[in-house]
Amino acid sequence: FAIVLITLLAVFICTQMVDNFLFQPLIYSASIKSSPLEIFIVLLMAGHVGGIVGMLVAIPCYTVIRVIATNFFSDFKPIRRLMAATGSEQHA
């Protein structure tokens, strides 16, 4: 009985890790048109700073900051480089 529980727990942990570190960044990156690495780094930083609550609000906050930077600060070289690297189009 104990071996079955340990096996079940190991399968659950592996499934969660694959979902959290592979599938979620890919899904989020496709929905907000961002790199999976960006999403992964944003989630890691938010988790470190704000814990679970930080991770919950990380993607919406990142999206808002990115839209503001794209629309209002597009004249700055670093923002233009980021927009070019991610394939974002500049809105007139």
Foldseek 3Di string as FASTA:
>chain_A
DVVVVVVVVVVVVVVVCCCVQPVVLVVLCVVLLHHSVVLVVQLVVLCVVPNPVSNVCRSVVVSVVLVCCLAPVCVDPVNVVVCVVSVNDRDD
